[in-house]
N, C-alpha and C. Protein backbone atom coordinates (compact mmCIF):
# COMPACT_ATOMS: atom_id res chain seq x y z
N MET A 1 -36.99 173.37 29.82
CA MET A 1 -38.03 173.80 30.74
C MET A 1 -39.41 173.33 30.28
N ARG A 2 -39.58 173.04 29.00
CA ARG A 2 -40.88 172.59 28.49
C ARG A 2 -41.32 171.31 29.19
N VAL A 3 -40.42 170.34 29.40
CA VAL A 3 -40.77 169.10 30.09
C VAL A 3 -41.18 169.41 31.53
N ASP A 4 -40.44 170.30 32.20
CA ASP A 4 -40.80 170.68 33.56
C ASP A 4 -42.17 171.34 33.61
N HIS A 5 -42.45 172.19 32.62
CA HIS A 5 -43.76 172.85 32.56
C HIS A 5 -44.87 171.80 32.40
N MET A 6 -44.64 170.82 31.53
CA MET A 6 -45.64 169.77 31.31
C MET A 6 -45.83 168.95 32.59
N ARG A 7 -44.75 168.64 33.30
CA ARG A 7 -44.87 167.91 34.57
C ARG A 7 -45.68 168.74 35.57
N GLY A 8 -45.41 170.04 35.60
CA GLY A 8 -46.15 170.92 36.51
C GLY A 8 -47.64 170.91 36.20
N LEU A 9 -47.96 170.98 34.91
CA LEU A 9 -49.37 170.94 34.52
C LEU A 9 -49.98 169.60 34.85
N ALA A 10 -49.21 168.52 34.69
CA ALA A 10 -49.72 167.18 35.02
C ALA A 10 -50.00 167.06 36.52
N VAL A 11 -49.12 167.61 37.34
CA VAL A 11 -49.34 167.56 38.79
C VAL A 11 -50.57 168.38 39.15
N LEU A 12 -50.70 169.57 38.57
CA LEU A 12 -51.85 170.40 38.84
C LEU A 12 -53.12 169.67 38.43
N SER A 13 -53.07 169.01 37.28
CA SER A 13 -54.22 168.23 36.83
C SER A 13 -54.49 167.06 37.76
N ALA A 14 -53.44 166.46 38.30
CA ALA A 14 -53.60 165.30 39.18
C ALA A 14 -54.31 165.67 40.47
N LEU A 15 -54.33 166.93 40.82
CA LEU A 15 -55.04 167.33 42.02
C LEU A 15 -56.54 167.19 41.80
N GLY A 16 -56.96 167.08 40.54
CA GLY A 16 -58.29 166.71 40.06
C GLY A 16 -59.46 167.04 40.95
N LEU A 17 -60.20 166.01 41.37
CA LEU A 17 -61.41 166.19 42.15
C LEU A 17 -61.13 166.87 43.49
N VAL A 18 -59.95 166.61 44.05
CA VAL A 18 -59.67 167.17 45.36
C VAL A 18 -59.57 168.69 45.27
N LEU A 19 -58.89 169.19 44.23
CA LEU A 19 -58.82 170.64 44.07
C LEU A 19 -59.81 171.15 43.04
N GLY A 20 -60.32 170.28 42.21
CA GLY A 20 -61.31 170.69 41.23
C GLY A 20 -60.82 171.79 40.33
N ALA A 21 -59.79 171.53 39.55
CA ALA A 21 -59.22 172.56 38.68
C ALA A 21 -60.28 173.18 37.79
N SER A 22 -60.32 174.51 37.81
CA SER A 22 -61.29 175.25 37.02
C SER A 22 -60.65 176.55 36.59
N ALA A 23 -60.87 176.93 35.36
CA ALA A 23 -60.23 178.13 34.84
C ALA A 23 -60.89 179.41 35.32
N SER A 24 -62.17 179.35 35.65
CA SER A 24 -62.86 180.59 36.01
C SER A 24 -62.94 180.77 37.52
N ALA A 25 -62.85 182.02 37.95
CA ALA A 25 -62.97 182.31 39.36
C ALA A 25 -64.41 182.11 39.79
N LEU A 26 -64.60 181.70 41.02
CA LEU A 26 -65.92 181.41 41.53
C LEU A 26 -66.17 182.31 42.73
N ALA A 27 -67.08 183.24 42.61
CA ALA A 27 -67.39 184.13 43.72
C ALA A 27 -68.26 183.39 44.71
N ALA A 28 -68.00 183.61 45.98
CA ALA A 28 -68.79 182.94 47.02
C ALA A 28 -70.20 183.50 47.00
N PRO A 29 -71.19 182.61 46.87
CA PRO A 29 -72.58 183.06 46.87
C PRO A 29 -73.02 183.45 48.28
N PRO A 30 -74.17 184.12 48.40
CA PRO A 30 -74.66 184.47 49.74
C PRO A 30 -74.77 183.22 50.60
N GLY A 31 -74.37 183.35 51.84
CA GLY A 31 -74.45 182.23 52.78
C GLY A 31 -73.22 181.35 52.81
N VAL A 32 -72.23 181.65 51.97
CA VAL A 32 -70.97 180.90 51.95
C VAL A 32 -69.85 181.91 52.15
N LYS A 33 -68.99 181.64 53.12
CA LYS A 33 -67.86 182.53 53.41
C LYS A 33 -66.57 181.76 53.14
N ILE A 34 -65.67 182.34 52.34
CA ILE A 34 -64.39 181.73 52.01
C ILE A 34 -63.28 182.68 52.45
N TYR A 35 -62.24 182.13 53.08
CA TYR A 35 -61.14 182.98 53.55
C TYR A 35 -59.87 182.16 53.72
N GLN A 36 -58.74 182.85 53.70
CA GLN A 36 -57.45 182.20 53.92
C GLN A 36 -57.26 181.98 55.42
N SER A 37 -56.66 180.87 55.76
CA SER A 37 -56.37 180.58 57.16
C SER A 37 -55.46 181.67 57.72
N PRO A 38 -55.77 182.15 58.91
CA PRO A 38 -54.89 183.17 59.50
C PRO A 38 -53.55 182.56 59.94
N ASN A 39 -53.48 181.23 60.02
CA ASN A 39 -52.27 180.56 60.53
C ASN A 39 -51.40 179.91 59.47
N ASP A 40 -51.95 179.67 58.27
CA ASP A 40 -51.18 178.96 57.25
C ASP A 40 -51.64 179.40 55.86
N GLN A 41 -50.76 180.00 55.08
CA GLN A 41 -51.13 180.51 53.76
C GLN A 41 -51.43 179.40 52.75
N LYS A 42 -51.18 178.15 53.11
CA LYS A 42 -51.48 177.04 52.20
C LYS A 42 -52.83 176.38 52.54
N ILE A 43 -53.57 177.02 53.44
CA ILE A 43 -54.89 176.52 53.84
C ILE A 43 -55.94 177.57 53.50
N THR A 44 -57.00 177.12 52.85
CA THR A 44 -58.17 177.95 52.62
C THR A 44 -59.30 177.37 53.45
N GLU A 45 -60.11 178.26 54.04
CA GLU A 45 -61.21 177.82 54.89
C GLU A 45 -62.52 178.37 54.36
N GLY A 46 -63.61 177.75 54.78
CA GLY A 46 -64.92 178.22 54.39
C GLY A 46 -66.00 177.75 55.34
N ASP A 47 -67.12 178.46 55.34
CA ASP A 47 -68.24 178.16 56.22
C ASP A 47 -69.56 178.35 55.50
N THR A 48 -70.53 177.55 55.89
CA THR A 48 -71.91 177.75 55.49
C THR A 48 -72.80 177.17 56.58
N ILE A 49 -74.06 177.53 56.56
CA ILE A 49 -75.04 177.03 57.52
C ILE A 49 -76.06 176.19 56.77
N VAL A 50 -76.37 175.02 57.35
CA VAL A 50 -77.42 174.16 56.77
C VAL A 50 -78.42 173.81 57.87
N ALA A 51 -79.64 173.51 57.45
CA ALA A 51 -80.66 173.08 58.40
C ALA A 51 -80.40 171.64 58.79
N GLY A 52 -80.56 171.35 60.07
CA GLY A 52 -80.42 169.97 60.53
C GLY A 52 -79.47 169.84 61.70
N ASP A 53 -79.52 168.68 62.31
CA ASP A 53 -78.71 168.35 63.47
C ASP A 53 -77.28 168.00 63.03
N PRO A 54 -76.26 168.57 63.69
CA PRO A 54 -74.88 168.32 63.28
C PRO A 54 -74.50 166.83 63.27
N ALA A 55 -74.96 166.08 64.27
CA ALA A 55 -74.62 164.66 64.33
C ALA A 55 -75.24 163.89 63.16
N GLU A 56 -76.47 164.24 62.80
CA GLU A 56 -77.13 163.56 61.68
C GLU A 56 -76.47 163.94 60.35
N ILE A 57 -76.12 165.20 60.20
CA ILE A 57 -75.48 165.64 58.97
C ILE A 57 -74.10 165.00 58.84
N TYR A 58 -73.37 164.92 59.94
CA TYR A 58 -72.06 164.25 59.95
C TYR A 58 -72.22 162.79 59.51
N GLN A 59 -73.20 162.09 60.06
CA GLN A 59 -73.42 160.69 59.69
C GLN A 59 -73.76 160.55 58.21
N THR A 60 -74.53 161.47 57.68
CA THR A 60 -74.86 161.43 56.26
C THR A 60 -73.60 161.56 55.40
N VAL A 61 -72.73 162.51 55.75
CA VAL A 61 -71.52 162.75 54.96
C VAL A 61 -70.53 161.59 55.12
N LEU A 62 -70.58 160.88 56.25
CA LEU A 62 -69.72 159.71 56.43
C LEU A 62 -70.08 158.56 55.49
N ASP A 63 -71.28 158.59 54.95
CA ASP A 63 -71.70 157.56 54.00
C ASP A 63 -71.11 157.93 52.64
N TYR A 64 -69.90 157.44 52.37
CA TYR A 64 -69.16 157.85 51.18
C TYR A 64 -69.93 157.60 49.89
N LYS A 65 -70.75 156.56 49.85
CA LYS A 65 -71.54 156.27 48.65
C LYS A 65 -72.49 157.43 48.32
N ARG A 66 -72.91 158.18 49.33
CA ARG A 66 -73.79 159.34 49.10
C ARG A 66 -73.07 160.52 48.46
N TRP A 67 -71.75 160.47 48.38
CA TRP A 67 -71.00 161.59 47.82
C TRP A 67 -71.38 161.81 46.36
N THR A 68 -71.89 160.78 45.69
CA THR A 68 -72.35 160.98 44.30
C THR A 68 -73.60 161.84 44.27
N GLU A 69 -74.37 161.85 45.35
CA GLU A 69 -75.56 162.70 45.45
C GLU A 69 -75.20 164.10 45.95
N ILE A 70 -74.23 164.18 46.83
CA ILE A 70 -73.85 165.46 47.45
C ILE A 70 -72.97 166.29 46.53
N PHE A 71 -72.00 165.65 45.89
CA PHE A 71 -71.01 166.35 45.07
C PHE A 71 -71.15 165.93 43.61
N PRO A 72 -71.66 166.79 42.74
CA PRO A 72 -71.84 166.45 41.32
C PRO A 72 -70.55 166.07 40.59
N ASP A 73 -69.38 166.48 41.11
CA ASP A 73 -68.12 166.12 40.45
C ASP A 73 -67.62 164.74 40.86
N VAL A 74 -68.44 164.00 41.63
CA VAL A 74 -68.14 162.61 41.98
C VAL A 74 -69.20 161.74 41.31
N ALA A 75 -68.76 160.97 40.32
CA ALA A 75 -69.69 160.11 39.58
C ALA A 75 -69.80 158.72 40.21
N LYS A 76 -68.71 158.27 40.86
CA LYS A 76 -68.70 156.93 41.44
C LYS A 76 -67.76 156.92 42.64
N VAL A 77 -68.09 156.09 43.62
CA VAL A 77 -67.27 155.94 44.81
C VAL A 77 -66.92 154.46 44.97
N GLU A 78 -65.63 154.18 45.12
CA GLU A 78 -65.19 152.82 45.40
C GLU A 78 -64.53 152.81 46.77
N ILE A 79 -65.06 152.00 47.68
CA ILE A 79 -64.49 151.87 49.02
C ILE A 79 -63.62 150.62 49.02
N THR A 80 -62.31 150.82 49.14
CA THR A 80 -61.37 149.71 49.12
C THR A 80 -61.28 149.05 50.48
N LYS A 81 -61.30 149.87 51.53
CA LYS A 81 -61.15 149.35 52.89
C LYS A 81 -61.82 150.32 53.85
N GLN A 82 -62.50 149.78 54.84
CA GLN A 82 -63.11 150.63 55.86
C GLN A 82 -63.00 149.89 57.19
N ASN A 83 -62.36 150.57 58.15
CA ASN A 83 -62.14 149.97 59.47
C ASN A 83 -62.26 151.08 60.51
N GLY A 84 -63.39 151.13 61.20
CA GLY A 84 -63.60 152.17 62.19
C GLY A 84 -63.60 153.54 61.55
N VAL A 85 -62.72 154.43 62.03
CA VAL A 85 -62.67 155.80 61.54
C VAL A 85 -61.82 155.95 60.28
N ASP A 86 -61.15 154.88 59.90
CA ASP A 86 -60.27 154.92 58.73
C ASP A 86 -60.93 154.27 57.53
N ALA A 87 -60.65 154.82 56.36
CA ALA A 87 -61.15 154.23 55.12
C ALA A 87 -60.23 154.63 53.98
N LEU A 88 -60.15 153.72 53.00
CA LEU A 88 -59.48 154.02 51.74
C LEU A 88 -60.57 154.06 50.69
N VAL A 89 -60.70 155.22 50.04
CA VAL A 89 -61.81 155.46 49.13
C VAL A 89 -61.27 156.08 47.84
N THR A 90 -61.80 155.63 46.71
CA THR A 90 -61.47 156.25 45.43
C THR A 90 -62.70 156.97 44.92
N LEU A 91 -62.53 158.27 44.64
CA LEU A 91 -63.59 159.06 44.03
C LEU A 91 -63.30 159.12 42.53
N ILE A 92 -64.32 158.82 41.73
CA ILE A 92 -64.16 158.81 40.28
C ILE A 92 -65.04 159.90 39.70
N GLY A 93 -64.41 160.78 38.92
CA GLY A 93 -65.14 161.89 38.31
C GLY A 93 -65.87 161.46 37.06
N PRO A 94 -66.75 162.31 36.56
CA PRO A 94 -67.49 162.01 35.33
C PRO A 94 -66.57 161.74 34.13
N ASP A 95 -65.35 162.30 34.16
CA ASP A 95 -64.39 162.09 33.08
C ASP A 95 -63.49 160.88 33.31
N GLY A 96 -63.73 160.14 34.41
CA GLY A 96 -62.93 158.96 34.71
C GLY A 96 -61.73 159.23 35.61
N HIS A 97 -61.44 160.52 35.90
CA HIS A 97 -60.33 160.86 36.80
C HIS A 97 -60.55 160.22 38.16
N ARG A 98 -59.51 159.66 38.73
CA ARG A 98 -59.60 158.96 40.02
C ARG A 98 -58.78 159.69 41.07
N ASP A 99 -59.37 159.90 42.24
CA ASP A 99 -58.64 160.42 43.39
C ASP A 99 -58.69 159.37 44.49
N ASN A 100 -57.50 158.93 44.90
CA ASN A 100 -57.39 157.94 45.97
C ASN A 100 -57.23 158.68 47.29
N LEU A 101 -58.18 158.46 48.18
CA LEU A 101 -58.20 159.20 49.44
C LEU A 101 -58.09 158.26 50.63
N HIS A 102 -57.38 158.74 51.64
CA HIS A 102 -57.33 158.06 52.94
C HIS A 102 -58.11 158.92 53.92
N PHE A 103 -59.17 158.36 54.49
CA PHE A 103 -59.97 159.06 55.49
C PHE A 103 -59.52 158.65 56.88
N HIS A 104 -59.46 159.60 57.77
CA HIS A 104 -59.24 159.34 59.20
C HIS A 104 -60.13 160.33 59.94
N ASN A 105 -61.34 159.90 60.25
CA ASN A 105 -62.36 160.78 60.80
C ASN A 105 -62.29 160.85 62.32
N THR A 106 -62.89 161.91 62.88
CA THR A 106 -62.91 162.11 64.33
C THR A 106 -64.36 162.30 64.76
N PRO A 107 -65.04 161.21 65.13
CA PRO A 107 -66.47 161.30 65.48
C PRO A 107 -66.76 162.27 66.62
N ALA A 108 -65.91 162.33 67.65
CA ALA A 108 -66.17 163.21 68.80
C ALA A 108 -66.22 164.68 68.37
N ALA A 109 -65.49 165.03 67.34
CA ALA A 109 -65.48 166.40 66.83
C ALA A 109 -66.40 166.56 65.61
N ARG A 110 -67.05 165.47 65.20
CA ARG A 110 -67.86 165.44 63.97
C ARG A 110 -67.04 165.98 62.80
N MET A 111 -65.83 165.42 62.67
CA MET A 111 -64.92 165.88 61.62
C MET A 111 -64.61 164.75 60.64
N VAL A 112 -64.81 165.06 59.36
CA VAL A 112 -64.38 164.20 58.26
C VAL A 112 -63.03 164.75 57.82
N TRP A 113 -62.00 163.90 57.84
CA TRP A 113 -60.66 164.31 57.43
C TRP A 113 -60.15 163.33 56.40
N PHE A 114 -59.55 163.84 55.33
CA PHE A 114 -58.97 162.95 54.33
C PHE A 114 -57.78 163.60 53.65
N GLU A 115 -56.92 162.71 53.12
CA GLU A 115 -55.76 163.16 52.35
C GLU A 115 -55.76 162.43 51.02
N ASP A 116 -55.25 163.11 50.01
CA ASP A 116 -55.10 162.51 48.69
C ASP A 116 -53.79 161.73 48.71
N THR A 117 -53.88 160.43 48.47
CA THR A 117 -52.68 159.58 48.52
C THR A 117 -52.11 159.30 47.14
N GLY A 118 -52.67 159.87 46.10
CA GLY A 118 -52.23 159.55 44.74
C GLY A 118 -51.30 160.55 44.10
N ASN A 119 -50.70 161.45 44.86
CA ASN A 119 -49.85 162.48 44.25
C ASN A 119 -48.38 162.11 44.21
N HIS A 120 -48.00 160.99 44.78
CA HIS A 120 -46.64 160.45 44.69
C HIS A 120 -45.55 161.48 44.97
N GLY A 121 -45.73 162.24 46.04
CA GLY A 121 -44.71 163.20 46.45
C GLY A 121 -44.69 164.50 45.67
N ARG A 122 -45.56 164.65 44.64
CA ARG A 122 -45.56 165.88 43.84
C ARG A 122 -46.39 166.97 44.50
N ALA A 123 -47.32 166.57 45.36
CA ALA A 123 -48.17 167.54 46.04
C ALA A 123 -48.68 166.92 47.34
N GLU A 124 -49.01 167.77 48.26
CA GLU A 124 -49.65 167.34 49.50
C GLU A 124 -51.02 168.02 49.55
N VAL A 125 -52.06 167.20 49.67
CA VAL A 125 -53.42 167.72 49.70
C VAL A 125 -54.19 167.00 50.79
N TRP A 126 -54.79 167.77 51.70
CA TRP A 126 -55.70 167.19 52.68
C TRP A 126 -56.83 168.17 52.95
N ALA A 127 -57.92 167.62 53.47
CA ALA A 127 -59.08 168.47 53.76
C ALA A 127 -59.77 167.95 55.00
N GLU A 128 -60.49 168.86 55.64
CA GLU A 128 -61.34 168.47 56.77
C GLU A 128 -62.65 169.24 56.66
N ILE A 129 -63.70 168.56 57.08
CA ILE A 129 -65.03 169.17 57.13
C ILE A 129 -65.59 168.88 58.51
N VAL A 130 -65.94 169.94 59.24
CA VAL A 130 -66.44 169.80 60.60
C VAL A 130 -67.88 170.30 60.64
N PHE A 131 -68.71 169.60 61.40
CA PHE A 131 -70.13 169.92 61.52
C PHE A 131 -70.40 170.37 62.96
N ILE A 132 -70.66 171.66 63.12
CA ILE A 132 -70.74 172.33 64.41
C ILE A 132 -72.16 172.84 64.62
N PRO A 133 -72.70 172.76 65.85
CA PRO A 133 -74.04 173.33 66.06
C PRO A 133 -74.07 174.81 65.65
N GLY A 134 -75.12 175.19 64.91
CA GLY A 134 -75.28 176.58 64.49
C GLY A 134 -75.83 177.42 65.63
N GLN A 135 -75.89 178.71 65.41
CA GLN A 135 -76.42 179.62 66.44
C GLN A 135 -77.92 179.47 66.61
N GLU A 136 -78.61 179.12 65.54
CA GLU A 136 -80.05 178.89 65.61
C GLU A 136 -80.31 177.42 65.90
N PRO A 137 -81.43 177.11 66.58
CA PRO A 137 -81.75 175.71 66.85
C PRO A 137 -81.88 174.92 65.55
N ASN A 138 -81.47 173.65 65.60
CA ASN A 138 -81.56 172.72 64.49
C ASN A 138 -80.86 173.23 63.22
N THR A 139 -79.71 173.89 63.41
CA THR A 139 -78.87 174.29 62.28
C THR A 139 -77.45 173.79 62.53
N THR A 140 -76.72 173.65 61.45
CA THR A 140 -75.34 173.18 61.52
C THR A 140 -74.45 174.13 60.74
N ARG A 141 -73.36 174.52 61.37
CA ARG A 141 -72.32 175.28 60.67
C ARG A 141 -71.36 174.26 60.10
N VAL A 142 -71.20 174.29 58.78
CA VAL A 142 -70.27 173.40 58.11
C VAL A 142 -68.99 174.20 57.88
N HIS A 143 -67.91 173.76 58.50
CA HIS A 143 -66.62 174.45 58.39
C HIS A 143 -65.65 173.54 57.65
N SER A 144 -65.07 174.05 56.58
CA SER A 144 -64.16 173.25 55.76
C SER A 144 -62.80 173.92 55.69
N ARG A 145 -61.77 173.08 55.69
CA ARG A 145 -60.39 173.55 55.51
C ARG A 145 -59.74 172.68 54.45
N LEU A 146 -59.03 173.32 53.52
CA LEU A 146 -58.34 172.59 52.46
C LEU A 146 -56.89 173.06 52.40
N PHE A 147 -55.98 172.11 52.56
CA PHE A 147 -54.55 172.37 52.46
C PHE A 147 -54.07 171.80 51.13
N ALA A 148 -53.30 172.56 50.37
CA ALA A 148 -52.68 172.05 49.15
C ALA A 148 -51.34 172.75 48.96
N ASP A 149 -50.33 171.94 48.70
CA ASP A 149 -48.99 172.46 48.44
C ASP A 149 -48.35 171.59 47.36
N VAL A 150 -47.79 172.22 46.35
CA VAL A 150 -47.14 171.52 45.25
C VAL A 150 -45.64 171.48 45.55
N HIS A 151 -45.02 170.30 45.30
CA HIS A 151 -43.60 170.10 45.61
C HIS A 151 -42.78 169.86 44.35
N GLY A 152 -41.47 169.91 44.52
CA GLY A 152 -40.54 169.53 43.46
C GLY A 152 -40.61 170.42 42.24
N VAL A 153 -40.38 169.81 41.08
CA VAL A 153 -40.33 170.53 39.81
C VAL A 153 -41.64 171.27 39.56
N ALA A 154 -42.75 170.65 39.94
CA ALA A 154 -44.06 171.28 39.72
C ALA A 154 -44.14 172.64 40.39
N SER A 155 -43.48 172.80 41.53
CA SER A 155 -43.55 174.08 42.24
C SER A 155 -42.88 175.21 41.46
N LEU A 156 -42.06 174.85 40.48
CA LEU A 156 -41.41 175.87 39.66
C LEU A 156 -42.35 176.47 38.63
N VAL A 157 -43.39 175.73 38.25
CA VAL A 157 -44.28 176.19 37.19
C VAL A 157 -45.72 176.42 37.66
N VAL A 158 -46.04 175.99 38.86
CA VAL A 158 -47.38 176.18 39.41
C VAL A 158 -47.26 177.16 40.57
N SER A 159 -47.83 178.32 40.43
CA SER A 159 -47.65 179.35 41.45
C SER A 159 -48.53 179.09 42.67
N ASP A 160 -48.09 179.62 43.80
CA ASP A 160 -48.89 179.55 45.03
C ASP A 160 -50.25 180.21 44.82
N GLY A 161 -50.27 181.30 44.06
CA GLY A 161 -51.53 182.01 43.79
C GLY A 161 -52.51 181.14 43.02
N SER A 162 -52.00 180.38 42.07
CA SER A 162 -52.85 179.48 41.29
C SER A 162 -53.44 178.39 42.19
N VAL A 163 -52.61 177.81 43.04
CA VAL A 163 -53.09 176.77 43.96
C VAL A 163 -54.11 177.38 44.93
N ARG A 164 -53.82 178.59 45.44
CA ARG A 164 -54.76 179.25 46.35
C ARG A 164 -56.12 179.47 45.68
N ARG A 165 -56.12 179.96 44.44
CA ARG A 165 -57.39 180.17 43.72
C ARG A 165 -58.15 178.86 43.54
N GLN A 166 -57.43 177.79 43.26
CA GLN A 166 -58.09 176.50 43.11
C GLN A 166 -58.68 176.01 44.44
N ARG A 167 -57.96 176.24 45.53
CA ARG A 167 -58.51 175.88 46.85
C ARG A 167 -59.78 176.67 47.11
N GLU A 168 -59.75 177.97 46.83
CA GLU A 168 -60.93 178.81 47.04
C GLU A 168 -62.11 178.32 46.20
N GLN A 169 -61.86 177.99 44.94
CA GLN A 169 -62.91 177.51 44.05
C GLN A 169 -63.48 176.19 44.55
N LYS A 170 -62.58 175.30 44.96
CA LYS A 170 -63.03 173.97 45.40
C LYS A 170 -63.87 174.06 46.67
N ILE A 171 -63.41 174.81 47.65
CA ILE A 171 -64.18 174.94 48.89
C ILE A 171 -65.52 175.60 48.62
N THR A 172 -65.53 176.64 47.80
CA THR A 172 -66.79 177.30 47.47
C THR A 172 -67.75 176.30 46.85
N LYS A 173 -67.28 175.59 45.84
CA LYS A 173 -68.13 174.63 45.14
C LYS A 173 -68.63 173.53 46.09
N ASP A 174 -67.75 173.01 46.92
CA ASP A 174 -68.15 171.94 47.84
C ASP A 174 -69.16 172.42 48.89
N LEU A 175 -68.95 173.61 49.43
CA LEU A 175 -69.90 174.12 50.42
C LEU A 175 -71.25 174.42 49.77
N VAL A 176 -71.24 174.94 48.55
CA VAL A 176 -72.50 175.16 47.83
C VAL A 176 -73.20 173.81 47.61
N ASN A 177 -72.45 172.78 47.22
CA ASN A 177 -73.04 171.47 47.00
C ASN A 177 -73.60 170.86 48.28
N ILE A 178 -72.86 170.98 49.38
CA ILE A 178 -73.35 170.46 50.66
C ILE A 178 -74.63 171.19 51.05
N ARG A 179 -74.59 172.50 50.94
CA ARG A 179 -75.76 173.31 51.29
C ARG A 179 -76.97 172.95 50.42
N SER A 180 -76.76 172.81 49.12
CA SER A 180 -77.85 172.44 48.20
C SER A 180 -78.41 171.07 48.52
N TYR A 181 -77.52 170.12 48.79
CA TYR A 181 -77.97 168.76 49.10
C TYR A 181 -78.88 168.75 50.34
N PHE A 182 -78.44 169.41 51.40
CA PHE A 182 -79.24 169.39 52.63
C PHE A 182 -80.50 170.25 52.51
N GLN A 183 -80.50 171.26 51.65
CA GLN A 183 -81.73 172.00 51.39
C GLN A 183 -82.73 171.11 50.67
N ARG A 184 -82.24 170.33 49.69
CA ARG A 184 -83.13 169.41 48.95
C ARG A 184 -83.69 168.32 49.88
N THR A 185 -82.82 167.75 50.71
CA THR A 185 -83.29 166.65 51.56
C THR A 185 -84.19 167.15 52.69
N ALA A 186 -83.99 168.39 53.13
CA ALA A 186 -84.84 168.94 54.20
C ALA A 186 -86.25 169.22 53.68
N SER A 187 -86.35 169.51 52.39
CA SER A 187 -87.67 169.84 51.82
C SER A 187 -88.46 168.60 51.41
N ARG A 188 -87.87 167.43 51.54
CA ARG A 188 -88.57 166.17 51.19
C ARG A 188 -89.50 165.73 52.28
């Protein structure tokens, strides 16, 4: 079982930037709401409000090179291929960890959607971020959903609760980072 446990830990680690493995729980700060999907226990959702036009904010987030400014856990972005709404992008963390992502965005819905393609059948991870007009003028509700499920041997040693906590931490951190980025750029 020791080898299986090590494989499970390796798969959990491989979720890297997409799940942002962290040992400590992260409480949602004011202005960020995190919750489990009412329809799927493998999906965590979250919301925050930022100042600005949804279409402009969506366009900013579509600029993958800006992810190094928006998300501190992304040190470098490599775009392998970009064709219309599809792109193959590698996010590289400060520690050199690489996440290979396939983007398939939906401009009409102002939705950024991507899946992690580097898990080789050990896990399924995808996320979407939608930019919706807020209730107040010139505000945007940022709604994020993160799906993660561990398969095979790894599922024997990595609990659903552990994956759920990591989804919660990752969405919280990403929404805080998006909110901080747009607060900084709005004040310029």
